[in-house]
Amino acid sequence: MESGSRQAERSERTRSELLRAARVVFARDGFEASRIEDIAAEAGRTRGAFYANFANKTEVFLALRSLAVLRRAREIRQRVEGVSGEEARYDAVIRYLLEQICDTQTQLLEIEFKLFALRHPDRLLELSEKHLEASTSINQRELADLFPEKNESLAQTRCNTVVVESLLEGFALNAMFSPQALDAAQLRAVMPKVLAAIFPKH
């Protein structure tokens, strides 16, 4: 008979595989067109396994959003922590943002989440506020102590958060749509200049 710890470990592995599969399917097909059967198949699991972990597509979609926020906070801190000097830390953040633009799957999910909210006006305000609160908390919690010289108000941090997301998603979407005009090399050349103009180092 399987022990409780082994069963819990197996359940957690199944949930992680379903989340990974959902990330692939949502980015590939979009939230509305995706099917639970597709997510289960991508994970090598059954519909029953999906429903044992998630009530519906919306639940797994929002779970992915929460994981994305936590991952972003961890990655930003890892990139900047231990780097000496404001300019070096600033450059580390710029490099991280460039990598995020080139992460097609992540940016498609970001855009898909916002499209999902816009298509569900009854939930738009709630989802928008939750997203902005989570994203802003990263900038305040993770970056405030790493960039103590930039002590911004909550309102300014919220504004900067939306501006950065707009740049990331806009650049990523157009780079995917018109790669012949905006390739990775051009992104690396243009993006730092754009960010430097909006968020000067000094």
N, C-alpha and C. Protein backbone atom coordinates (compact mmCIF):
# COMPACT_ATOMS: atom_id res chain seq x y z
N MET A 1 0.85 -1.20 0.00
CA MET A 1 0.00 0.00 0.00
C MET A 1 0.89 1.26 0.00
N GLU A 2 0.51 2.23 -0.80
CA GLU A 2 1.32 3.44 -0.96
C GLU A 2 1.25 4.31 0.28
N SER A 3 2.41 4.79 0.75
CA SER A 3 2.43 5.64 1.94
C SER A 3 1.86 7.01 1.61
N GLY A 4 1.47 7.73 2.69
CA GLY A 4 0.90 9.06 2.51
C GLY A 4 1.86 10.01 1.84
N SER A 5 3.14 9.96 2.22
CA SER A 5 4.12 10.88 1.66
C SER A 5 4.36 10.60 0.17
N ARG A 6 4.38 9.32 -0.19
CA ARG A 6 4.58 8.97 -1.60
C ARG A 6 3.36 9.36 -2.44
N GLN A 7 2.19 9.19 -1.87
CA GLN A 7 0.98 9.58 -2.58
C GLN A 7 0.93 11.09 -2.78
N ALA A 8 1.32 11.84 -1.74
CA ALA A 8 1.35 13.29 -1.84
C ALA A 8 2.37 13.74 -2.88
N GLU A 9 3.51 13.06 -2.91
CA GLU A 9 4.55 13.39 -3.88
C GLU A 9 4.06 13.12 -5.30
N ARG A 10 3.36 12.01 -5.47
CA ARG A 10 2.82 11.66 -6.79
C ARG A 10 1.75 12.67 -7.22
N SER A 11 0.91 13.08 -6.29
CA SER A 11 -0.14 14.06 -6.59
C SER A 11 0.46 15.41 -6.98
N GLU A 12 1.52 15.80 -6.26
CA GLU A 12 2.19 17.06 -6.56
C GLU A 12 2.84 17.02 -7.93
N ARG A 13 3.42 15.86 -8.27
CA ARG A 13 4.04 15.70 -9.59
C ARG A 13 2.99 15.80 -10.69
N THR A 14 1.84 15.17 -10.47
CA THR A 14 0.75 15.24 -11.45
C THR A 14 0.28 16.67 -11.63
N ARG A 15 0.12 17.40 -10.53
CA ARG A 15 -0.33 18.79 -10.60
C ARG A 15 0.69 19.65 -11.36
N SER A 16 1.98 19.44 -11.08
CA SER A 16 3.03 20.19 -11.76
C SER A 16 3.03 19.91 -13.26
N GLU A 17 2.83 18.64 -13.63
CA GLU A 17 2.79 18.27 -15.04
C GLU A 17 1.59 18.88 -15.74
N LEU A 18 0.46 18.94 -15.06
CA LEU A 18 -0.74 19.56 -15.63
C LEU A 18 -0.54 21.07 -15.80
N LEU A 19 0.11 21.70 -14.84
CA LEU A 19 0.39 23.14 -14.95
C LEU A 19 1.34 23.42 -16.11
N ARG A 20 2.37 22.60 -16.23
CA ARG A 20 3.30 22.76 -17.35
C ARG A 20 2.56 22.59 -18.67
N ALA A 21 1.73 21.56 -18.76
CA ALA A 21 0.98 21.29 -19.99
C ALA A 21 0.01 22.43 -20.30
N ALA A 22 -0.66 22.94 -19.28
CA ALA A 22 -1.61 24.04 -19.48
C ALA A 22 -0.88 25.28 -20.00
N ARG A 23 0.31 25.52 -19.51
CA ARG A 23 1.10 26.67 -19.98
C ARG A 23 1.37 26.55 -21.47
N VAL A 24 1.72 25.35 -21.92
CA VAL A 24 1.98 25.10 -23.33
C VAL A 24 0.71 25.28 -24.16
N VAL A 25 -0.38 24.68 -23.71
CA VAL A 25 -1.63 24.70 -24.48
C VAL A 25 -2.24 26.09 -24.53
N PHE A 26 -2.24 26.81 -23.40
CA PHE A 26 -2.80 28.17 -23.39
C PHE A 26 -2.01 29.10 -24.30
N ALA A 27 -0.68 28.98 -24.28
CA ALA A 27 0.15 29.83 -25.13
C ALA A 27 -0.03 29.48 -26.60
N ARG A 28 -0.24 28.21 -26.88
CA ARG A 28 -0.37 27.74 -28.26
C ARG A 28 -1.76 28.02 -28.85
N ASP A 29 -2.81 27.71 -28.07
CA ASP A 29 -4.18 27.76 -28.59
C ASP A 29 -5.00 28.93 -28.08
N GLY A 30 -4.52 29.60 -27.02
CA GLY A 30 -5.34 30.63 -26.38
C GLY A 30 -6.27 29.99 -25.36
N PHE A 31 -6.69 30.79 -24.39
CA PHE A 31 -7.51 30.25 -23.31
C PHE A 31 -8.85 29.74 -23.82
N GLU A 32 -9.55 30.55 -24.61
CA GLU A 32 -10.90 30.20 -25.02
C GLU A 32 -10.93 28.94 -25.87
N ALA A 33 -9.97 28.77 -26.77
CA ALA A 33 -9.97 27.63 -27.69
C ALA A 33 -9.40 26.36 -27.07
N SER A 34 -8.66 26.49 -25.99
CA SER A 34 -8.04 25.31 -25.39
C SER A 34 -9.08 24.42 -24.74
N ARG A 35 -8.77 23.14 -24.66
CA ARG A 35 -9.69 22.16 -24.07
C ARG A 35 -8.98 21.40 -22.95
N ILE A 36 -9.77 21.00 -21.98
CA ILE A 36 -9.21 20.22 -20.87
C ILE A 36 -8.57 18.94 -21.39
N GLU A 37 -9.18 18.33 -22.41
CA GLU A 37 -8.62 17.12 -23.00
C GLU A 37 -7.22 17.37 -23.56
N ASP A 38 -7.02 18.56 -24.14
CA ASP A 38 -5.71 18.89 -24.71
C ASP A 38 -4.65 19.03 -23.61
N ILE A 39 -5.06 19.66 -22.51
CA ILE A 39 -4.13 19.83 -21.39
C ILE A 39 -3.75 18.48 -20.80
N ALA A 40 -4.76 17.63 -20.59
CA ALA A 40 -4.50 16.30 -20.03
C ALA A 40 -3.60 15.49 -20.95
N ALA A 41 -3.87 15.55 -22.26
CA ALA A 41 -3.06 14.79 -23.22
C ALA A 41 -1.63 15.29 -23.25
N GLU A 42 -1.44 16.62 -23.22
CA GLU A 42 -0.10 17.20 -23.22
C GLU A 42 0.69 16.75 -22.00
N ALA A 43 -0.01 16.55 -20.88
CA ALA A 43 0.64 16.10 -19.64
C ALA A 43 0.76 14.59 -19.56
N GLY A 44 0.14 13.89 -20.51
CA GLY A 44 0.14 12.43 -20.45
C GLY A 44 -0.76 11.91 -19.35
N ARG A 45 -1.83 12.66 -19.06
CA ARG A 45 -2.76 12.31 -18.00
C ARG A 45 -4.18 12.22 -18.54
N THR A 46 -5.11 11.83 -17.69
CA THR A 46 -6.50 11.70 -18.08
C THR A 46 -7.31 12.92 -17.65
N ARG A 47 -8.53 13.04 -18.19
CA ARG A 47 -9.44 14.10 -17.74
C ARG A 47 -9.68 13.97 -16.23
N GLY A 48 -9.78 12.74 -15.76
CA GLY A 48 -9.99 12.51 -14.33
C GLY A 48 -8.87 13.08 -13.50
N ALA A 49 -7.65 12.94 -13.97
CA ALA A 49 -6.50 13.50 -13.24
C ALA A 49 -6.58 15.02 -13.22
N PHE A 50 -7.03 15.61 -14.33
CA PHE A 50 -7.19 17.07 -14.35
C PHE A 50 -8.19 17.50 -13.29
N TYR A 51 -9.36 16.87 -13.29
CA TYR A 51 -10.42 17.28 -12.36
C TYR A 51 -10.10 16.93 -10.91
N ALA A 52 -9.17 16.04 -10.70
CA ALA A 52 -8.74 15.75 -9.33
C ALA A 52 -7.88 16.88 -8.77
N ASN A 53 -7.35 17.73 -9.68
CA ASN A 53 -6.47 18.82 -9.27
C ASN A 53 -7.06 20.21 -9.49
N PHE A 54 -7.92 20.35 -10.49
CA PHE A 54 -8.48 21.66 -10.82
C PHE A 54 -9.96 21.52 -11.15
N ALA A 55 -10.73 22.52 -10.75
CA ALA A 55 -12.17 22.47 -11.00
C ALA A 55 -12.50 22.75 -12.47
N ASN A 56 -11.70 23.61 -13.10
CA ASN A 56 -11.98 24.01 -14.48
C ASN A 56 -10.76 24.70 -15.07
N LYS A 57 -10.89 25.16 -16.32
CA LYS A 57 -9.77 25.83 -17.00
C LYS A 57 -9.39 27.13 -16.31
N THR A 58 -10.39 27.86 -15.84
CA THR A 58 -10.10 29.15 -15.20
C THR A 58 -9.21 28.96 -13.98
N GLU A 59 -9.47 27.93 -13.20
CA GLU A 59 -8.68 27.70 -11.99
C GLU A 59 -7.22 27.42 -12.33
N VAL A 60 -6.99 26.60 -13.34
CA VAL A 60 -5.60 26.29 -13.69
C VAL A 60 -4.93 27.52 -14.32
N PHE A 61 -5.70 28.32 -15.05
CA PHE A 61 -5.17 29.54 -15.66
C PHE A 61 -4.70 30.52 -14.59
N LEU A 62 -5.54 30.72 -13.57
CA LEU A 62 -5.18 31.64 -12.49
C LEU A 62 -4.04 31.08 -11.64
N ALA A 63 -3.97 29.76 -11.51
CA ALA A 63 -2.84 29.16 -10.79
C ALA A 63 -1.53 29.43 -11.51
N LEU A 64 -1.57 29.39 -12.83
CA LEU A 64 -0.38 29.72 -13.62
C LEU A 64 0.04 31.16 -13.41
N ARG A 65 -0.94 32.06 -13.30
CA ARG A 65 -0.63 33.47 -13.06
C ARG A 65 0.09 33.64 -11.73
N SER A 66 -0.40 32.97 -10.69
CA SER A 66 0.23 33.09 -9.37
C SER A 66 1.66 32.58 -9.41
N LEU A 67 1.87 31.45 -10.07
CA LEU A 67 3.22 30.89 -10.18
C LEU A 67 4.14 31.82 -10.97
N ALA A 68 3.61 32.46 -12.00
CA ALA A 68 4.42 33.38 -12.81
C ALA A 68 4.90 34.56 -11.99
N VAL A 69 4.04 35.09 -11.13
CA VAL A 69 4.40 36.22 -10.28
C VAL A 69 5.52 35.82 -9.31
N LEU A 70 5.38 34.67 -8.69
CA LEU A 70 6.39 34.19 -7.74
C LEU A 70 7.72 33.92 -8.45
N ARG A 71 7.64 33.33 -9.64
CA ARG A 71 8.86 33.05 -10.40
C ARG A 71 9.58 34.33 -10.78
N ARG A 72 8.81 35.34 -11.21
CA ARG A 72 9.42 36.60 -11.61
C ARG A 72 10.14 37.26 -10.44
N ALA A 73 9.51 37.23 -9.27
CA ALA A 73 10.13 37.82 -8.08
C ALA A 73 11.44 37.12 -7.76
N ARG A 74 11.43 35.79 -7.83
CA ARG A 74 12.64 35.02 -7.52
C ARG A 74 13.74 35.30 -8.53
N GLU A 75 13.38 35.35 -9.81
CA GLU A 75 14.38 35.54 -10.86
C GLU A 75 15.00 36.93 -10.79
N ILE A 76 14.18 37.95 -10.54
CA ILE A 76 14.72 39.31 -10.45
C ILE A 76 15.72 39.41 -9.31
N ARG A 77 15.34 38.84 -8.16
CA ARG A 77 16.24 38.91 -7.00
C ARG A 77 17.54 38.16 -7.29
N GLN A 78 17.46 37.01 -7.92
CA GLN A 78 18.66 36.24 -8.23
C GLN A 78 19.59 37.01 -9.16
N ARG A 79 19.02 37.76 -10.10
CA ARG A 79 19.83 38.51 -11.05
C ARG A 79 20.53 39.71 -10.41
N VAL A 80 19.84 40.34 -9.47
CA VAL A 80 20.33 41.62 -8.95
C VAL A 80 21.07 41.49 -7.63
N GLU A 81 20.67 40.54 -6.83
CA GLU A 81 21.25 40.40 -5.50
C GLU A 81 22.75 40.09 -5.60
N GLY A 82 23.54 40.80 -4.86
CA GLY A 82 24.98 40.58 -4.87
C GLY A 82 25.72 41.38 -5.92
N VAL A 83 24.98 42.07 -6.81
CA VAL A 83 25.62 42.92 -7.82
C VAL A 83 25.87 44.30 -7.21
N SER A 84 27.09 44.75 -7.26
CA SER A 84 27.46 46.02 -6.63
C SER A 84 27.27 47.19 -7.58
N GLY A 85 26.75 48.28 -7.05
CA GLY A 85 26.63 49.51 -7.82
C GLY A 85 25.31 49.63 -8.55
N GLU A 86 24.74 50.83 -8.53
CA GLU A 86 23.45 51.06 -9.16
C GLU A 86 23.46 50.73 -10.65
N GLU A 87 24.52 51.16 -11.35
CA GLU A 87 24.56 50.96 -12.80
C GLU A 87 24.62 49.48 -13.15
N ALA A 88 25.42 48.72 -12.41
CA ALA A 88 25.53 47.29 -12.68
C ALA A 88 24.21 46.58 -12.40
N ARG A 89 23.52 46.98 -11.32
CA ARG A 89 22.22 46.38 -11.01
C ARG A 89 21.19 46.74 -12.08
N TYR A 90 21.23 47.99 -12.50
CA TYR A 90 20.34 48.46 -13.56
C TYR A 90 20.55 47.63 -14.83
N ASP A 91 21.80 47.42 -15.21
CA ASP A 91 22.10 46.63 -16.41
C ASP A 91 21.63 45.19 -16.27
N ALA A 92 21.72 44.65 -15.05
CA ALA A 92 21.25 43.28 -14.81
C ALA A 92 19.74 43.17 -15.03
N VAL A 93 19.00 44.18 -14.57
CA VAL A 93 17.55 44.19 -14.77
C VAL A 93 17.23 44.33 -16.25
N ILE A 94 17.95 45.18 -16.97
CA ILE A 94 17.72 45.35 -18.41
C ILE A 94 17.94 44.02 -19.13
N ARG A 95 19.00 43.30 -18.79
CA ARG A 95 19.26 42.01 -19.43
C ARG A 95 18.12 41.03 -19.14
N TYR A 96 17.61 41.06 -17.91
CA TYR A 96 16.50 40.18 -17.55
C TYR A 96 15.26 40.51 -18.38
N LEU A 97 14.95 41.79 -18.54
CA LEU A 97 13.78 42.20 -19.32
C LEU A 97 13.92 41.80 -20.78
N LEU A 98 15.12 41.89 -21.32
CA LEU A 98 15.35 41.46 -22.70
C LEU A 98 15.09 39.96 -22.85
N GLU A 99 15.52 39.19 -21.86
CA GLU A 99 15.25 37.75 -21.90
C GLU A 99 13.75 37.48 -21.84
N GLN A 100 13.05 38.28 -21.04
CA GLN A 100 11.60 38.11 -20.94
C GLN A 100 10.91 38.39 -22.27
N ILE A 101 11.34 39.38 -23.00
CA ILE A 101 10.77 39.67 -24.31
C ILE A 101 10.95 38.48 -25.25
N CYS A 102 12.10 37.86 -25.19
CA CYS A 102 12.41 36.74 -26.07
C CYS A 102 11.77 35.43 -25.62
N ASP A 103 11.19 35.42 -24.42
CA ASP A 103 10.50 34.23 -23.92
C ASP A 103 9.07 34.25 -24.46
N THR A 104 8.91 33.72 -25.66
CA THR A 104 7.64 33.79 -26.38
C THR A 104 6.47 33.25 -25.56
N GLN A 105 6.66 32.10 -24.96
CA GLN A 105 5.57 31.45 -24.23
C GLN A 105 5.08 32.31 -23.07
N THR A 106 6.03 32.88 -22.33
CA THR A 106 5.66 33.72 -21.19
C THR A 106 4.88 34.94 -21.63
N GLN A 107 5.34 35.61 -22.67
CA GLN A 107 4.66 36.82 -23.12
C GLN A 107 3.29 36.52 -23.71
N LEU A 108 3.15 35.42 -24.43
CA LEU A 108 1.84 35.04 -24.95
C LEU A 108 0.86 34.78 -23.81
N LEU A 109 1.34 34.16 -22.73
CA LEU A 109 0.47 33.92 -21.58
C LEU A 109 0.07 35.21 -20.89
N GLU A 110 1.01 36.16 -20.81
CA GLU A 110 0.69 37.46 -20.23
C GLU A 110 -0.41 38.15 -21.03
N ILE A 111 -0.25 38.14 -22.35
CA ILE A 111 -1.25 38.77 -23.21
C ILE A 111 -2.58 38.02 -23.14
N GLU A 112 -2.51 36.69 -23.13
CA GLU A 112 -3.73 35.88 -23.07
C GLU A 112 -4.50 36.12 -21.78
N PHE A 113 -3.78 36.30 -20.69
CA PHE A 113 -4.44 36.57 -19.41
C PHE A 113 -5.24 37.87 -19.48
N LYS A 114 -4.65 38.89 -20.07
CA LYS A 114 -5.34 40.18 -20.16
C LYS A 114 -6.50 40.12 -21.14
N LEU A 115 -6.35 39.37 -22.22
CA LEU A 115 -7.46 39.19 -23.15
C LEU A 115 -8.60 38.42 -22.47
N PHE A 116 -8.23 37.43 -21.66
CA PHE A 116 -9.23 36.67 -20.91
C PHE A 116 -10.03 37.60 -20.00
N ALA A 117 -9.34 38.48 -19.30
CA ALA A 117 -10.02 39.42 -18.40
C ALA A 117 -10.93 40.37 -19.18
N LEU A 118 -10.45 40.84 -20.32
CA LEU A 118 -11.25 41.76 -21.13
C LEU A 118 -12.50 41.08 -21.69
N ARG A 119 -12.40 39.77 -21.95
CA ARG A 119 -13.56 39.04 -22.48
C ARG A 119 -14.56 38.68 -21.39
N HIS A 120 -14.17 38.90 -20.13
CA HIS A 120 -15.05 38.61 -19.00
C HIS A 120 -15.19 39.88 -18.17
N PRO A 121 -15.97 40.85 -18.65
CA PRO A 121 -16.08 42.15 -17.98
C PRO A 121 -16.56 42.08 -16.54
N ASP A 122 -17.29 41.01 -16.20
CA ASP A 122 -17.74 40.86 -14.81
C ASP A 122 -16.58 40.59 -13.86
N ARG A 123 -15.44 40.15 -14.41
CA ARG A 123 -14.27 39.84 -13.58
C ARG A 123 -13.09 40.76 -13.86
N LEU A 124 -13.28 41.67 -14.82
CA LEU A 124 -12.16 42.50 -15.27
C LEU A 124 -11.52 43.30 -14.15
N LEU A 125 -12.32 44.03 -13.39
CA LEU A 125 -11.77 44.87 -12.33
C LEU A 125 -11.04 44.03 -11.29
N GLU A 126 -11.64 42.91 -10.90
CA GLU A 126 -11.02 42.04 -9.89
C GLU A 126 -9.69 41.49 -10.39
N LEU A 127 -9.67 40.97 -11.62
CA LEU A 127 -8.44 40.38 -12.16
C LEU A 127 -7.37 41.44 -12.39
N SER A 128 -7.80 42.61 -12.87
CA SER A 128 -6.85 43.69 -13.11
C SER A 128 -6.19 44.13 -11.81
N GLU A 129 -6.99 44.31 -10.77
CA GLU A 129 -6.45 44.75 -9.49
C GLU A 129 -5.53 43.69 -8.88
N LYS A 130 -5.93 42.43 -8.95
CA LYS A 130 -5.10 41.35 -8.40
C LYS A 130 -3.77 41.27 -9.13
N HIS A 131 -3.83 41.38 -10.45
CA HIS A 131 -2.61 41.33 -11.25
C HIS A 131 -1.69 42.50 -10.92
N LEU A 132 -2.27 43.70 -10.87
CA LEU A 132 -1.47 44.90 -10.60
C LEU A 132 -0.90 44.87 -9.19
N GLU A 133 -1.70 44.39 -8.24
CA GLU A 133 -1.22 44.30 -6.86
C GLU A 133 -0.04 43.34 -6.75
N ALA A 134 -0.16 42.18 -7.42
CA ALA A 134 0.92 41.19 -7.36
C ALA A 134 2.18 41.69 -8.06
N SER A 135 2.01 42.27 -9.25
CA SER A 135 3.17 42.77 -9.99
C SER A 135 3.83 43.94 -9.28
N THR A 136 3.03 44.84 -8.72
CA THR A 136 3.58 45.99 -8.01
C THR A 136 4.32 45.56 -6.76
N SER A 137 3.78 44.53 -6.08
CA SER A 137 4.42 44.06 -4.85
C SER A 137 5.83 43.55 -5.12
N ILE A 138 6.04 42.98 -6.30
CA ILE A 138 7.39 42.53 -6.68
C ILE A 138 8.32 43.72 -6.74
N ASN A 139 7.88 44.77 -7.44
CA ASN A 139 8.73 45.94 -7.58
C ASN A 139 9.01 46.60 -6.24
N GLN A 140 8.02 46.62 -5.36
CA GLN A 140 8.23 47.27 -4.06
C GLN A 140 9.02 46.37 -3.12
N ARG A 141 8.64 45.09 -3.07
CA ARG A 141 9.28 44.20 -2.11
C ARG A 141 10.66 43.76 -2.56
N GLU A 142 10.77 43.36 -3.84
CA GLU A 142 12.02 42.79 -4.33
C GLU A 142 13.03 43.84 -4.78
N LEU A 143 12.54 44.94 -5.35
CA LEU A 143 13.48 45.90 -5.91
C LEU A 143 13.78 47.07 -4.98
N ALA A 144 12.89 47.36 -4.03
CA ALA A 144 13.09 48.53 -3.17
C ALA A 144 14.39 48.43 -2.38
N ASP A 145 14.64 47.24 -1.81
CA ASP A 145 15.86 47.11 -1.03
C ASP A 145 17.09 46.89 -1.92
N LEU A 146 16.86 46.45 -3.17
CA LEU A 146 17.97 46.26 -4.09
C LEU A 146 18.35 47.57 -4.78
N PHE A 147 17.37 48.48 -4.87
CA PHE A 147 17.61 49.82 -5.41
C PHE A 147 17.14 50.86 -4.40
N PRO A 148 17.78 50.93 -3.24
CA PRO A 148 17.31 51.86 -2.20
C PRO A 148 17.37 53.32 -2.61
N GLU A 149 18.19 53.62 -3.62
CA GLU A 149 18.30 55.00 -4.07
C GLU A 149 17.07 55.46 -4.85
N LYS A 150 16.22 54.51 -5.26
CA LYS A 150 15.00 54.86 -5.99
C LYS A 150 13.79 54.56 -5.10
N ASN A 151 13.45 55.50 -4.27
CA ASN A 151 12.34 55.34 -3.34
C ASN A 151 11.09 55.97 -3.95
N GLU A 152 10.26 55.15 -4.61
CA GLU A 152 9.11 55.66 -5.34
C GLU A 152 7.82 55.45 -4.56
N SER A 153 6.85 56.29 -4.84
CA SER A 153 5.53 56.15 -4.22
C SER A 153 4.83 54.94 -4.82
N LEU A 154 3.78 54.47 -4.13
CA LEU A 154 3.01 53.34 -4.63
C LEU A 154 2.40 53.66 -5.99
N ALA A 155 1.86 54.88 -6.13
CA ALA A 155 1.24 55.28 -7.40
C ALA A 155 2.25 55.25 -8.54
N GLN A 156 3.48 55.72 -8.29
CA GLN A 156 4.50 55.73 -9.33
C GLN A 156 4.95 54.31 -9.65
N THR A 157 5.06 53.47 -8.63
CA THR A 157 5.45 52.08 -8.86
C THR A 157 4.41 51.36 -9.70
N ARG A 158 3.13 51.59 -9.40
CA ARG A 158 2.05 50.98 -10.19
C ARG A 158 2.12 51.45 -11.64
N CYS A 159 2.36 52.73 -11.84
CA CYS A 159 2.47 53.28 -13.19
C CYS A 159 3.65 52.66 -13.92
N ASN A 160 4.80 52.59 -13.26
CA ASN A 160 6.00 52.02 -13.87
C ASN A 160 5.79 50.54 -14.22
N THR A 161 5.06 49.83 -13.36
CA THR A 161 4.78 48.42 -13.61
C THR A 161 4.01 48.25 -14.91
N VAL A 162 2.98 49.05 -15.10
CA VAL A 162 2.17 48.95 -16.32
C VAL A 162 2.98 49.35 -17.55
N VAL A 163 3.83 50.39 -17.40
CA VAL A 163 4.66 50.83 -18.52
C VAL A 163 5.61 49.71 -18.96
N VAL A 164 6.27 49.06 -17.99
CA VAL A 164 7.21 47.98 -18.32
C VAL A 164 6.47 46.82 -18.98
N GLU A 165 5.32 46.44 -18.43
CA GLU A 165 4.55 45.35 -19.03
C GLU A 165 4.12 45.69 -20.45
N SER A 166 3.73 46.94 -20.66
CA SER A 166 3.32 47.37 -22.00
C SER A 166 4.47 47.23 -22.99
N LEU A 167 5.66 47.63 -22.56
CA LEU A 167 6.84 47.51 -23.42
C LEU A 167 7.18 46.06 -23.71
N LEU A 168 7.21 45.24 -22.66
CA LEU A 168 7.55 43.83 -22.84
C LEU A 168 6.58 43.15 -23.79
N GLU A 169 5.28 43.31 -23.52
CA GLU A 169 4.28 42.61 -24.32
C GLU A 169 4.21 43.17 -25.74
N GLY A 170 4.33 44.50 -25.87
CA GLY A 170 4.28 45.11 -27.19
C GLY A 170 5.46 44.72 -28.05
N PHE A 171 6.66 44.80 -27.50
CA PHE A 171 7.84 44.41 -28.24
C PHE A 171 7.80 42.91 -28.59
N ALA A 172 7.44 42.09 -27.60
CA ALA A 172 7.41 40.64 -27.82
C ALA A 172 6.40 40.27 -28.90
N LEU A 173 5.19 40.85 -28.82
CA LEU A 173 4.14 40.53 -29.78
C LEU A 173 4.57 40.91 -31.19
N ASN A 174 5.13 42.09 -31.35
CA ASN A 174 5.53 42.54 -32.69
C ASN A 174 6.77 41.83 -33.20
N ALA A 175 7.64 41.41 -32.29
CA ALA A 175 8.81 40.63 -32.71
C ALA A 175 8.37 39.26 -33.21
N MET A 176 7.33 38.69 -32.59
CA MET A 176 6.79 37.42 -33.06
C MET A 176 6.03 37.59 -34.37
N PHE A 177 5.32 38.72 -34.50
CA PHE A 177 4.50 38.97 -35.67
C PHE A 177 5.33 39.37 -36.88
N SER A 178 6.38 40.18 -36.66
CA SER A 178 7.22 40.67 -37.76
C SER A 178 8.70 40.42 -37.47
N PRO A 179 9.10 39.14 -37.37
CA PRO A 179 10.51 38.85 -37.04
C PRO A 179 11.47 39.34 -38.12
N GLN A 180 10.99 39.49 -39.34
CA GLN A 180 11.85 39.97 -40.41
C GLN A 180 12.23 41.43 -40.22
N ALA A 181 11.44 42.15 -39.41
CA ALA A 181 11.72 43.58 -39.18
C ALA A 181 12.28 43.84 -37.79
N LEU A 182 11.99 42.94 -36.85
CA LEU A 182 12.42 43.14 -35.47
C LEU A 182 12.92 41.81 -34.91
N ASP A 183 14.21 41.55 -35.11
CA ASP A 183 14.77 40.28 -34.63
C ASP A 183 15.45 40.48 -33.28
N ALA A 184 16.02 39.40 -32.75
CA ALA A 184 16.62 39.44 -31.41
C ALA A 184 17.74 40.48 -31.31
N ALA A 185 18.56 40.58 -32.36
CA ALA A 185 19.67 41.54 -32.34
C ALA A 185 19.15 42.98 -32.27
N GLN A 186 18.09 43.25 -33.02
CA GLN A 186 17.51 44.59 -33.00
C GLN A 186 16.85 44.89 -31.66
N LEU A 187 16.23 43.88 -31.08
CA LEU A 187 15.64 44.06 -29.74
C LEU A 187 16.71 44.44 -28.73
N ARG A 188 17.84 43.72 -28.79
CA ARG A 188 18.92 44.00 -27.84
C ARG A 188 19.47 45.41 -28.03
N ALA A 189 19.41 45.92 -29.25
CA ALA A 189 19.93 47.27 -29.52
C ALA A 189 18.93 48.36 -29.14
N VAL A 190 17.64 48.10 -29.36
CA VAL A 190 16.62 49.13 -29.18
C VAL A 190 16.08 49.20 -27.76
N MET A 191 15.80 48.03 -27.17
CA MET A 191 15.11 48.01 -25.88
C MET A 191 15.83 48.76 -24.77
N PRO A 192 17.15 48.59 -24.59
CA PRO A 192 17.82 49.34 -23.53
C PRO A 192 17.68 50.85 -23.68
N LYS A 193 17.70 51.33 -24.93
CA LYS A 193 17.55 52.77 -25.16
C LYS A 193 16.16 53.25 -24.75
N VAL A 194 15.15 52.44 -25.08
CA VAL A 194 13.78 52.80 -24.73
C VAL A 194 13.61 52.84 -23.22
N LEU A 195 14.08 51.81 -22.54
CA LEU A 195 13.97 51.75 -21.08
C LEU A 195 14.78 52.86 -20.40
N ALA A 196 15.96 53.14 -20.96
CA ALA A 196 16.79 54.20 -20.37
C ALA A 196 16.12 55.56 -20.50
N ALA A 197 15.36 55.76 -21.59
CA ALA A 197 14.66 57.04 -21.77
C ALA A 197 13.51 57.18 -20.77
N ILE A 198 12.86 56.05 -20.47
CA ILE A 198 11.72 56.10 -19.54
C ILE A 198 12.19 56.05 -18.09
N PHE A 199 13.19 55.22 -17.83
CA PHE A 199 13.70 55.05 -16.46
C PHE A 199 15.20 55.36 -16.46
N PRO A 200 15.57 56.62 -16.45
CA PRO A 200 17.00 56.98 -16.47
C PRO A 200 17.73 56.44 -15.25
N LYS A 201 18.99 56.15 -15.43
CA LYS A 201 19.78 55.58 -14.33
C LYS A 201 19.93 56.56 -13.20
N HIS A 202 20.01 57.82 -13.50
CA HIS A 202 20.23 58.82 -12.45
C HIS A 202 19.12 59.85 -12.48
